[in-house]
Protein backbone atom coordinates (compact mmCIF):
# COMPACT_ATOMS: atom_id res chain seq x y z
CA MET A 1 15.64 -75.54 -18.86
CA GLN A 2 13.00 -73.72 -16.84
CA ILE A 3 15.44 -71.24 -15.27
CA GLU A 4 15.70 -69.43 -18.60
CA LYS A 5 12.08 -68.33 -18.19
CA LEU A 6 13.03 -66.63 -14.93
CA ARG A 7 16.00 -64.61 -16.07
CA GLY A 8 15.67 -60.86 -16.24
CA LYS A 9 16.87 -57.55 -14.87
CA GLU A 10 14.38 -57.44 -11.99
CA LEU A 11 15.17 -60.99 -10.85
CA ASP A 12 18.90 -60.29 -11.11
CA GLN A 13 18.31 -57.33 -8.82
CA LEU A 14 16.34 -59.47 -6.36
CA PHE A 15 18.91 -62.26 -6.27
CA ASN A 16 21.79 -59.80 -5.95
CA ALA A 17 19.93 -58.16 -3.06
CA ILE A 18 19.60 -61.54 -1.35
CA LEU A 19 23.26 -62.31 -1.96
CA SER A 20 24.20 -58.95 -0.38
CA LEU A 21 22.64 -59.89 2.97
CA ARG A 22 25.35 -60.39 5.56
CA ASP A 23 23.72 -62.50 8.26
CA LEU A 24 20.58 -64.19 9.50
CA GLU A 25 19.25 -61.00 11.10
CA GLU A 26 19.52 -59.09 7.82
CA CYS A 27 17.68 -61.96 6.11
CA TYR A 28 14.87 -61.77 8.65
CA LEU A 29 14.58 -58.00 8.17
CA PHE A 30 14.69 -58.12 4.38
CA PHE A 31 12.25 -61.00 3.95
CA ASP A 32 9.89 -59.47 6.51
CA ASP A 33 9.72 -56.35 4.34
CA LEU A 34 9.68 -58.24 1.04
CA CYS A 35 7.19 -61.05 1.67
CA THR A 36 4.07 -61.79 3.61
CA VAL A 37 4.35 -64.15 6.57
CA ASN A 38 2.53 -66.82 4.55
CA GLU A 39 4.95 -66.48 1.63
CA ILE A 40 7.97 -66.86 3.90
CA GLN A 41 6.42 -69.82 5.70
CA SER A 42 5.60 -71.46 2.36
CA LEU A 43 9.21 -71.16 1.19
CA ALA A 44 10.51 -72.53 4.50
CA GLN A 45 7.97 -75.37 4.33
CA ARG A 46 9.16 -76.40 0.86
CA LEU A 47 12.75 -76.57 2.05
CA GLU A 48 11.72 -78.70 5.03
CA VAL A 49 9.71 -80.97 2.71
CA ALA A 50 12.80 -81.38 0.53
CA ARG A 51 14.94 -82.24 3.55
CA MET A 52 12.44 -84.83 4.75
CA LEU A 53 12.08 -86.36 1.28
CA LYS A 54 15.86 -86.67 1.04
CA GLU A 55 15.77 -88.50 4.39
CA GLY A 56 13.27 -90.96 2.92
CA LYS A 57 10.27 -89.86 4.95
CA THR A 58 6.82 -90.84 3.67
CA TYR A 59 4.30 -88.37 2.28
CA HIS A 60 2.09 -89.10 5.30
CA LYS A 61 4.89 -88.30 7.78
CA ILE A 62 5.84 -85.13 5.86
CA GLU A 63 2.23 -83.98 5.62
CA ASN A 64 1.67 -84.51 9.35
CA SER A 65 4.95 -82.90 10.35
CA THR A 66 4.92 -79.85 8.05
CA GLY A 67 1.28 -79.34 7.15
CA ALA A 68 2.26 -79.36 3.47
CA SER A 69 -0.31 -80.61 1.00
CA THR A 70 0.40 -83.71 -1.06
CA ALA A 71 0.50 -81.40 -4.10
CA THR A 72 3.32 -79.38 -2.51
CA ILE A 73 5.17 -82.54 -1.51
CA SER A 74 4.81 -83.90 -5.06
CA ARG A 75 6.05 -80.65 -6.56
CA VAL A 76 9.12 -80.62 -4.32
CA LYS A 77 9.79 -84.28 -5.09
CA ARG A 78 9.57 -83.55 -8.81
CA CYS A 79 12.15 -80.77 -8.34
CA LEU A 80 14.40 -83.13 -6.39
CA ASN A 81 14.17 -85.75 -9.13
CA TYR A 82 14.15 -83.61 -12.27
CA GLY A 83 15.14 -80.10 -11.21
CA ASN A 84 18.42 -78.24 -11.06
CA ASP A 85 19.74 -80.03 -7.93
CA ALA A 86 19.52 -76.72 -6.07
CA TYR A 87 17.61 -78.20 -3.14
CA GLN A 88 20.41 -80.74 -2.70
CA LEU A 89 23.06 -78.03 -3.02
CA VAL A 90 21.45 -75.91 -0.32
CA LEU A 91 20.62 -78.83 1.97
CA ASP A 92 24.23 -80.02 1.81
CA ARG A 93 25.50 -76.54 2.64
CA ILE A 94 23.17 -75.92 5.56
CA LYS A 95 23.78 -79.43 6.87
CA ASP A 96 27.52 -78.69 6.94
CA GLU A 97 26.87 -75.39 8.74
CA THR A 98 24.48 -76.83 11.33
CA ALA A 99 26.21 -80.17 11.94
CA PRO A 100 28.39 -78.97 14.87
CA GLU A 101 25.32 -77.42 16.57
CA GLU A 102 23.33 -80.64 16.11
CA GLU A 103 26.20 -82.77 17.44
CA GLN A 104 26.48 -80.50 20.47
CA ALA A 105 22.74 -80.72 21.11
CA ILE A 106 22.86 -84.52 20.85
CA GLY A 107 25.80 -84.61 23.26
CA GLU A 108 23.83 -82.54 25.79
CA LYS A 109 20.91 -85.02 25.92
């Protein structure tokens, strides 16, 4: 399992720091200090690619919509198919959290 390569004291500290964040604003502040804008955008792009792949969107549609390269899309797809199911875990959780907002927005149209 690839996660074993990642384990260590410094990564434990990083992940515990992330888990200590209390809200979206704290996340923005922490990641703004921790990462470059490009790094943050790259992480967000990968999550969006995963969401679109799970919805069955084509590489062409994903590439046009997100600006992600086909290499990035392929890497995310490989993780979805053979990874730790963490993308699915997170996508399910954020879908549950955003569903009422999306339903309200649809109702307002």
